[in-house]
Amino acid sequence: AVDPVESVAIIEEELLRYDESHFTNSAERPRWLILNKIDQWLEEEQAEHIEALTERFRTELDFKGPIFAISALNKQGTTALVWAIMEFMEAARAADLAAQASKPSAPVITPSVYKNPNLEWTEE
């Protein structure tokens, strides 16, 4: 059987390697973990599996981001995920707008062309 915690660890290693080669910092990027296919567990065992996996992700991988458990097949948990994504995007957009508003705006210089009577003009 595939160990989801091990799979995420492998993916995170690959992301770090990619980031190092492309000069970005993934540690500062928000990360979300979506546990899909929870419908493959018996309904009465889902909460236990989700709790155990969440604990492992938090302790073994020090995962600090949100963790969602969903079933795309039967749409279980997908509404909460979509709302969380929308709220995240709205907050990110508001933060971007606030950051832009707090930056001093560059002065706009509009050149005007005129002949200064104190200067001698020569035509070439």
Protein backbone atom coordinates (compact mmCIF):
# COMPACT_ATOMS: atom_id res chain seq x y z
CA ALA A 1 0.00 0.00 0.00
CA VAL A 2 1.11 3.55 -0.69
CA ASP A 3 1.92 5.64 2.38
CA PRO A 4 0.45 9.12 1.82
CA VAL A 5 2.84 10.74 4.30
CA GLU A 6 5.82 9.24 2.50
CA SER A 7 4.37 10.38 -0.85
CA VAL A 8 4.01 13.96 0.39
CA ALA A 9 7.57 13.88 1.75
CA ILE A 10 8.84 12.85 -1.69
CA ILE A 11 6.82 15.59 -3.39
CA GLU A 12 8.12 18.20 -0.93
CA GLU A 13 11.72 17.10 -1.60
CA GLU A 14 11.12 17.51 -5.33
CA LEU A 15 9.61 20.96 -4.80
CA LEU A 16 12.61 22.03 -2.74
CA ARG A 17 14.98 20.82 -5.46
CA TYR A 18 12.96 22.66 -8.09
CA ASP A 19 12.87 25.81 -5.98
CA GLU A 20 16.64 25.74 -5.42
CA SER A 21 17.25 25.49 -9.13
CA HIS A 22 14.85 28.30 -9.94
CA PHE A 23 15.71 30.72 -7.11
CA THR A 24 12.35 30.73 -5.38
CA ASN A 25 11.44 30.08 -1.78
CA SER A 26 8.68 27.54 -1.31
CA ALA A 27 8.97 27.78 2.48
CA GLU A 28 7.21 31.14 2.30
CA ARG A 29 4.46 29.93 -0.01
CA PRO A 30 1.21 28.74 1.50
CA ARG A 31 0.74 25.00 1.26
CA TRP A 32 -2.49 23.12 1.55
CA LEU A 33 -2.88 19.38 1.82
CA ILE A 34 -5.94 17.74 0.28
CA LEU A 35 -6.64 14.15 1.27
CA ASN A 36 -8.76 12.83 -1.60
CA LYS A 37 -10.60 9.53 -2.04
CA ILE A 38 -11.75 9.31 1.56
CA ASP A 39 -14.77 7.44 0.16
CA GLN A 40 -12.50 4.40 -0.10
CA TRP A 41 -12.61 4.05 3.68
CA LEU A 42 -15.67 2.78 5.48
CA GLU A 43 -17.77 5.74 6.54
CA GLU A 44 -17.51 4.85 10.23
CA GLU A 45 -13.69 4.72 9.94
CA GLN A 46 -13.14 7.93 7.95
CA ALA A 47 -12.77 10.27 10.94
CA GLU A 48 -10.24 7.95 12.57
CA HIS A 49 -8.15 7.66 9.38
CA ILE A 50 -8.27 11.41 8.77
CA GLU A 51 -7.24 12.20 12.34
CA ALA A 52 -4.36 9.68 12.23
CA LEU A 53 -3.06 11.00 8.90
CA THR A 54 -3.39 14.61 10.00
CA GLU A 55 -1.38 13.84 13.14
CA ARG A 56 1.33 12.14 11.08
CA PHE A 57 1.55 15.05 8.62
CA ARG A 58 1.83 17.51 11.50
CA THR A 59 4.45 15.54 13.44
CA GLU A 60 6.49 13.69 10.81
CA LEU A 61 6.56 16.43 8.17
CA ASP A 62 5.92 19.45 10.41
CA PHE A 63 3.11 20.40 8.02
CA LYS A 64 1.57 23.67 9.21
CA GLY A 65 -0.92 24.41 6.45
CA PRO A 66 -4.59 23.52 6.31
CA ILE A 67 -5.52 19.90 5.68
CA PHE A 68 -8.78 19.02 3.95
CA ALA A 69 -10.28 15.56 3.58
CA ILE A 70 -12.51 15.17 0.54
CA SER A 71 -14.09 12.73 -1.82
CA ALA A 72 -14.28 14.18 -5.30
CA LEU A 73 -16.39 11.18 -6.30
CA ASN A 74 -19.27 11.88 -3.92
CA LYS A 75 -18.44 15.58 -3.31
CA GLN A 76 -17.82 15.02 0.39
CA GLY A 77 -15.88 17.95 1.86
CA THR A 78 -15.60 19.75 -1.48
CA THR A 79 -17.88 22.65 -0.54
CA ALA A 80 -15.76 23.47 2.51
CA LEU A 81 -12.63 23.29 0.36
CA VAL A 82 -14.06 25.60 -2.31
CA TRP A 83 -15.14 28.15 0.32
CA ALA A 84 -11.72 28.03 1.97
CA ILE A 85 -10.04 28.61 -1.41
CA MET A 86 -12.34 31.57 -2.13
CA GLU A 87 -11.67 33.10 1.29
CA PHE A 88 -7.93 32.59 0.85
CA MET A 89 -7.94 34.22 -2.59
CA GLU A 90 -10.03 37.17 -1.37
CA ALA A 91 -7.70 37.70 1.60
CA ALA A 92 -4.63 37.48 -0.66
CA ARG A 93 -6.15 39.98 -3.07
CA ALA A 94 -7.03 42.37 -0.22
CA ALA A 95 -3.48 42.08 1.14
CA ASP A 96 -2.04 42.82 -2.32
CA LEU A 97 -4.27 45.87 -2.70
CA ALA A 98 -3.35 47.10 0.78
CA ALA A 99 0.35 46.64 0.02
CA GLN A 100 -0.02 48.57 -3.23
CA ALA A 101 -1.93 51.35 -1.49
CA SER A 102 0.74 51.70 1.20
CA LYS A 103 3.52 52.15 -1.35
CA PRO A 104 4.30 55.75 -2.17
CA SER A 105 3.27 56.48 -5.69
CA ALA A 106 5.96 57.60 -8.06
CA PRO A 107 5.70 61.19 -9.17
CA VAL A 108 4.42 61.66 -12.66
CA ILE A 109 6.60 64.00 -14.65
CA THR A 110 5.03 65.47 -17.72
CA PRO A 111 7.61 67.14 -19.89
CA SER A 112 6.62 70.33 -21.58
CA VAL A 113 8.47 71.55 -24.59
CA TYR A 114 8.84 75.26 -25.02
CA LYS A 115 11.46 77.75 -26.09
CA ASN A 116 13.07 79.53 -23.23
CA PRO A 117 13.56 83.15 -24.23
CA ASN A 118 16.84 83.25 -22.28
CA LEU A 119 18.38 80.49 -24.38
CA GLU A 120 19.77 80.82 -27.83
CA TRP A 121 18.33 78.37 -30.28
CA THR A 122 20.26 77.26 -33.24
CA GLU A 123 18.92 75.26 -36.06
CA GLU A 124 21.04 72.57 -37.56
